Amino acid sequence: MIIWLNSIQNMAWYYIPFISVFLIILFLQLICFLIAYIFQTDKLTDVSYGGTFVIVVINLFIKNEWTLVDVLLAGLVILRGLRLGIYLLSRIHRMWRDKRFDTMRSSFFKFGAFRVLQAVSIFILLFPVILVMSKQVDQISIFVYLWWAISLLGIWIETLADRQKYQFKKAYPKRRCDVWLWSKARHPNYFGEMLVWWGIWVVCMPYLAWRRWLTILSPLWITFLLLKVSGIPLLAPKREEKYGADPEFQAWKKRTKLLMPL
């Protein structure tokens, strides 16, 4: 009986860091949701997404004794979160509203459910990072540096794709962006985002033991969301509606890849 109780107690202590991190994520998302719902604004929706990653990782970094691996992971997540948050803030400042939320913005439950799903997504993506940053990791290899660089490459590709599209649309508001990276792929920014999280997962792998195959849910989740849920499935129909009758658009679709700008 005592052994059984000790086992339960040890298990509870093991899961406490994950529960506390999820509660922080959920609290931040719900606070931003209430503000956004009361004022019927979209300015906090995407910005709080990138910002939550930054806050959570800084919190983990401060609470634990950090190592070089923690620095590398925290640096990637913070850089990606700040970059995404700043970009999305500038985008919504130009647009004033996000058409994706037109059907849910005025609904407390629909808008709230979206926020809860966003909190779950953030937790899933950060799962391998939370595991590694919650333990002491002293050893590091060239393999880790390699995949850290690949994640950094993903951030660069996503940043470059967003910047190129922003500059093009600013000069030609009614035309679709089909230059630079966008002349090679239809969604190069999504490719960069996927590369970030696959790289982060591989960086974490050597320190996760048997849990490495459980944490693969992190990169699989962002890949699933972008390919099947909130990325391409939302954007592709809008492009078809706006440019579908244009022969050049159809030719661009045929000569470009879906994701990889290579």
Protein backbone atom coordinates (compact mmCIF):
# COMPACT_ATOMS: atom_id res chain seq x y z
CA MET A 1 0.00 0.00 0.00
CA ILE A 2 2.81 2.40 0.94
CA ILE A 3 4.67 1.57 -2.27
CA TRP A 4 1.49 2.21 -4.26
CA LEU A 5 0.96 5.59 -2.55
CA ASN A 6 4.59 6.55 -3.14
CA SER A 7 4.19 5.64 -6.79
CA ILE A 8 1.14 7.89 -7.11
CA GLN A 9 2.95 10.70 -5.30
CA ASN A 10 5.98 10.42 -7.57
CA MET A 11 3.75 10.41 -10.62
CA ALA A 12 1.92 13.50 -9.36
CA TRP A 13 5.20 15.37 -8.82
CA TYR A 14 6.33 14.31 -12.30
CA TYR A 15 3.27 15.82 -13.97
CA ILE A 16 3.07 19.03 -11.89
CA PRO A 17 5.44 21.02 -14.20
CA PHE A 18 3.34 20.11 -17.24
CA ILE A 19 0.06 20.96 -15.52
CA SER A 20 1.43 24.31 -14.33
CA VAL A 21 2.73 25.19 -17.80
CA PHE A 22 -0.58 24.30 -19.40
CA LEU A 23 -2.47 26.40 -16.84
CA ILE A 24 -0.20 29.38 -17.59
CA ILE A 25 -0.85 28.96 -21.31
CA LEU A 26 -4.59 28.61 -20.81
CA PHE A 27 -4.73 31.62 -18.45
CA LEU A 28 -2.90 33.87 -20.94
CA GLN A 29 -5.14 32.76 -23.82
CA LEU A 30 -8.37 33.23 -21.86
CA ILE A 31 -7.37 36.69 -20.62
CA CYS A 32 -6.65 37.79 -24.18
CA PHE A 33 -9.88 36.14 -25.33
CA LEU A 34 -11.97 38.13 -22.85
CA ILE A 35 -10.36 41.41 -23.92
CA ALA A 36 -10.78 40.54 -27.61
CA TYR A 37 -14.41 39.50 -27.10
CA ILE A 38 -15.38 42.56 -25.05
CA PHE A 39 -13.85 44.99 -27.54
CA GLN A 40 -14.58 42.81 -30.61
CA THR A 41 -11.03 43.14 -31.85
CA ASP A 42 -8.67 40.77 -33.65
CA LYS A 43 -5.51 42.62 -32.63
CA LEU A 44 -4.76 40.27 -29.72
CA THR A 45 -5.68 36.96 -31.32
CA ASP A 46 -2.53 36.14 -33.27
CA VAL A 47 -0.20 38.40 -31.28
CA SER A 48 -0.98 36.53 -28.06
CA TYR A 49 -0.22 33.27 -29.87
CA GLY A 50 3.41 34.19 -30.54
CA GLY A 51 3.74 36.01 -27.22
CA THR A 52 2.61 33.02 -25.17
CA PHE A 53 5.51 30.91 -26.45
CA VAL A 54 7.93 33.60 -25.33
CA ILE A 55 6.40 34.00 -21.86
CA VAL A 56 6.26 30.25 -21.19
CA VAL A 57 9.86 29.57 -22.24
CA ILE A 58 11.20 32.55 -20.26
CA ASN A 59 9.29 31.24 -17.23
CA LEU A 60 10.88 27.78 -17.66
CA PHE A 61 14.27 29.37 -18.15
CA ILE A 62 14.03 31.41 -14.95
CA LYS A 63 12.62 28.62 -12.76
CA ASN A 64 15.23 25.97 -13.64
CA GLU A 65 18.99 25.80 -13.65
CA TRP A 66 19.72 26.26 -17.32
CA THR A 67 22.30 24.56 -19.52
CA LEU A 68 23.61 25.26 -23.02
CA VAL A 69 20.86 23.06 -24.50
CA ASP A 70 18.26 25.14 -22.64
CA VAL A 71 19.82 28.32 -24.06
CA LEU A 72 19.67 26.95 -27.60
CA LEU A 73 16.05 25.82 -27.26
CA ALA A 74 14.89 28.96 -25.48
CA GLY A 75 16.65 31.11 -28.06
CA LEU A 76 14.86 29.39 -30.94
CA VAL A 77 11.42 29.56 -29.36
CA ILE A 78 11.81 33.19 -28.24
CA LEU A 79 13.19 34.31 -31.61
CA ARG A 80 10.38 32.55 -33.45
CA GLY A 81 7.71 33.87 -31.03
CA LEU A 82 8.91 37.48 -31.20
CA ARG A 83 9.28 37.38 -34.98
CA LEU A 84 5.81 35.93 -35.45
CA GLY A 85 4.19 38.26 -32.91
CA ILE A 86 5.70 41.41 -34.45
CA TYR A 87 4.75 40.34 -37.97
CA LEU A 88 1.17 39.45 -37.04
CA LEU A 89 0.78 42.70 -35.11
CA SER A 90 1.87 44.74 -38.12
CA ARG A 91 -0.41 42.71 -40.39
CA ILE A 92 -3.53 43.12 -38.27
CA HIS A 93 -2.72 46.83 -37.87
CA ARG A 94 -3.01 47.15 -41.65
CA MET A 95 -6.06 44.90 -42.00
CA TRP A 96 -7.90 46.02 -38.81
CA ARG A 97 -9.78 42.73 -38.79
CA ASP A 98 -9.10 39.09 -39.63
CA LYS A 99 -11.77 37.62 -41.90
CA ARG A 100 -11.15 34.17 -40.45
CA PHE A 101 -12.93 35.26 -37.27
CA ASP A 102 -15.97 36.90 -38.86
CA THR A 103 -18.13 33.85 -38.12
CA MET A 104 -16.99 33.46 -34.50
CA ARG A 105 -15.90 36.87 -33.19
CA SER A 106 -19.35 37.76 -31.83
CA SER A 107 -19.95 34.28 -30.36
CA PHE A 108 -18.63 33.88 -26.82
CA PHE A 109 -18.50 30.07 -27.04
CA LYS A 110 -17.08 29.78 -30.57
CA PHE A 111 -14.44 32.43 -29.97
CA GLY A 112 -13.65 30.94 -26.56
CA ALA A 113 -13.39 27.41 -28.00
CA PHE A 114 -10.90 28.70 -30.56
CA ARG A 115 -8.79 30.14 -27.74
CA VAL A 116 -8.85 26.87 -25.81
CA LEU A 117 -7.78 24.99 -28.95
CA GLN A 118 -4.99 27.53 -29.43
CA ALA A 119 -3.84 26.93 -25.84
CA VAL A 120 -3.80 23.16 -26.43
CA SER A 121 -1.83 23.66 -29.65
CA ILE A 122 0.79 25.81 -27.92
CA PHE A 123 1.20 23.18 -25.19
CA ILE A 124 1.56 20.35 -27.73
CA LEU A 125 4.16 22.26 -29.72
CA LEU A 126 6.15 23.09 -26.60
CA PHE A 127 5.88 19.57 -25.11
CA PRO A 128 9.41 18.36 -26.01
CA VAL A 129 10.87 21.75 -25.01
CA ILE A 130 9.14 21.58 -21.61
CA LEU A 131 10.51 18.07 -21.03
CA VAL A 132 14.10 19.04 -21.81
CA MET A 133 14.06 22.38 -19.97
CA SER A 134 12.60 20.70 -16.87
CA LYS A 135 15.64 18.45 -16.46
CA GLN A 136 19.39 18.93 -16.24
CA VAL A 137 21.07 18.32 -19.61
CA ASP A 138 24.85 18.62 -19.64
CA GLN A 139 25.98 16.83 -22.79
CA ILE A 140 25.69 18.35 -26.23
CA SER A 141 26.81 17.11 -29.65
CA ILE A 142 27.39 18.38 -33.18
CA PHE A 143 24.11 16.64 -34.06
CA VAL A 144 22.24 19.07 -31.78
CA TYR A 145 23.94 22.10 -33.32
CA LEU A 146 23.09 20.83 -36.81
CA TRP A 147 19.36 20.60 -36.15
CA TRP A 148 19.40 23.82 -34.18
CA ALA A 149 20.77 25.45 -37.35
CA ILE A 150 18.01 23.77 -39.40
CA SER A 151 15.37 25.26 -37.09
CA LEU A 152 17.06 28.63 -37.44
CA LEU A 153 16.91 28.16 -41.21
CA GLY A 154 13.15 27.54 -40.87
CA ILE A 155 12.74 30.84 -39.01
CA TRP A 156 14.72 32.61 -41.73
CA ILE A 157 12.65 31.06 -44.55
CA GLU A 158 9.38 31.99 -42.82
CA THR A 159 10.60 35.53 -42.13
CA LEU A 160 11.84 36.00 -45.69
CA ALA A 161 8.61 34.64 -47.21
CA ASP A 162 6.45 36.92 -45.04
CA ARG A 163 8.65 39.93 -45.79
CA GLN A 164 8.63 39.29 -49.53
CA LYS A 165 4.86 38.92 -49.60
CA TYR A 166 4.40 42.08 -47.50
CA GLN A 167 6.60 44.16 -49.83
CA PHE A 168 4.91 42.76 -52.94
CA LYS A 169 1.35 43.32 -51.70
CA LYS A 170 2.26 46.82 -50.57
CA ALA A 171 3.40 47.65 -54.12
CA TYR A 172 0.69 45.63 -55.92
CA PRO A 173 -2.33 45.27 -53.60
CA LYS A 174 -4.56 43.53 -56.16
CA ARG A 175 -2.00 41.03 -57.43
CA ARG A 176 -1.01 37.71 -55.92
CA CYS A 177 2.58 37.33 -54.79
CA ASP A 178 4.49 35.12 -57.24
CA VAL A 179 8.07 36.38 -56.94
CA TRP A 180 11.19 35.27 -55.02
CA LEU A 181 10.34 32.32 -52.77
CA TRP A 182 6.71 32.54 -53.90
CA SER A 183 7.80 31.80 -57.48
CA LYS A 184 9.03 28.39 -56.28
CA ALA A 185 6.34 27.36 -53.79
CA ARG A 186 2.73 28.27 -53.00
CA HIS A 187 3.22 28.22 -49.21
CA PRO A 188 6.93 28.78 -48.41
CA ASN A 189 6.10 30.41 -45.06
CA TYR A 190 4.34 27.24 -43.91
CA PHE A 191 7.35 25.18 -44.96
CA GLY A 192 9.54 27.40 -42.76
CA GLU A 193 7.17 26.98 -39.79
CA MET A 194 7.17 23.19 -40.12
CA LEU A 195 10.97 23.15 -40.40
CA VAL A 196 11.26 25.11 -37.14
CA TRP A 197 9.31 22.56 -35.11
CA TRP A 198 10.77 19.45 -36.74
CA GLY A 199 14.22 20.87 -36.02
CA ILE A 200 13.35 21.64 -32.39
CA TRP A 201 11.99 18.14 -31.90
CA VAL A 202 15.16 16.53 -33.26
CA VAL A 203 17.28 18.79 -31.03
CA CYS A 204 15.28 17.50 -28.04
CA MET A 205 15.37 13.83 -29.10
CA PRO A 206 18.71 12.79 -27.51
CA TYR A 207 17.45 13.90 -24.09
CA LEU A 208 13.99 12.33 -24.13
CA ALA A 209 14.73 8.57 -23.95
CA TRP A 210 11.57 6.55 -24.71
CA ARG A 211 9.44 9.71 -24.62
CA ARG A 212 10.94 10.92 -27.90
CA TRP A 213 8.32 9.04 -29.88
CA LEU A 214 5.53 10.49 -27.76
CA THR A 215 6.79 14.04 -28.30
CA ILE A 216 6.81 13.58 -32.08
CA LEU A 217 3.22 14.75 -31.71
CA SER A 218 4.65 18.29 -31.59
CA PRO A 219 5.95 18.55 -35.20
CA LEU A 220 3.19 16.24 -36.46
CA TRP A 221 0.60 18.55 -34.91
CA ILE A 222 1.84 21.73 -36.63
CA THR A 223 2.15 19.80 -39.91
CA PHE A 224 -1.43 18.56 -39.55
CA LEU A 225 -2.78 22.02 -38.67
CA LEU A 226 -1.09 23.74 -41.60
CA LEU A 227 -1.86 21.04 -44.16
CA LYS A 228 -5.36 20.01 -43.07
CA VAL A 229 -6.95 22.54 -40.69
CA SER A 230 -6.01 26.20 -40.30
CA GLY A 231 -3.38 26.78 -42.96
CA ILE A 232 -3.73 25.66 -46.56
CA PRO A 233 -7.41 24.55 -46.30
CA LEU A 234 -8.38 28.13 -45.36
CA LEU A 235 -6.06 29.98 -47.73
CA ALA A 236 -6.28 27.88 -50.91
CA PRO A 237 -10.06 28.35 -51.48
CA LYS A 238 -9.70 32.13 -51.02
CA ARG A 239 -6.98 32.19 -53.67
CA GLU A 240 -9.16 30.17 -56.03
CA GLU A 241 -12.08 32.52 -55.48
CA LYS A 242 -9.98 35.61 -56.07
CA TYR A 243 -7.61 34.49 -58.84
CA GLY A 244 -9.10 31.25 -60.19
CA ALA A 245 -10.15 32.78 -63.51
CA ASP A 246 -6.65 34.11 -64.18
CA PRO A 247 -4.67 31.81 -66.56
CA GLU A 248 -1.40 33.03 -65.05
CA PHE A 249 -2.59 31.91 -61.62
CA GLN A 250 -3.34 28.42 -62.93
CA ALA A 251 0.07 28.30 -64.63
CA TRP A 252 1.73 29.42 -61.36
CA LYS A 253 0.00 26.60 -59.49
CA LYS A 254 1.21 24.04 -62.00
CA ARG A 255 4.87 25.12 -62.01
CA THR A 256 5.27 25.57 -58.25
CA LYS A 257 5.54 23.10 -55.40
CA LEU A 258 3.14 23.12 -52.50
CA LEU A 259 5.66 23.86 -49.75
CA MET A 260 9.38 23.59 -50.46
CA PRO A 261 10.81 26.65 -52.28
CA LEU A 262 13.53 24.55 -53.96
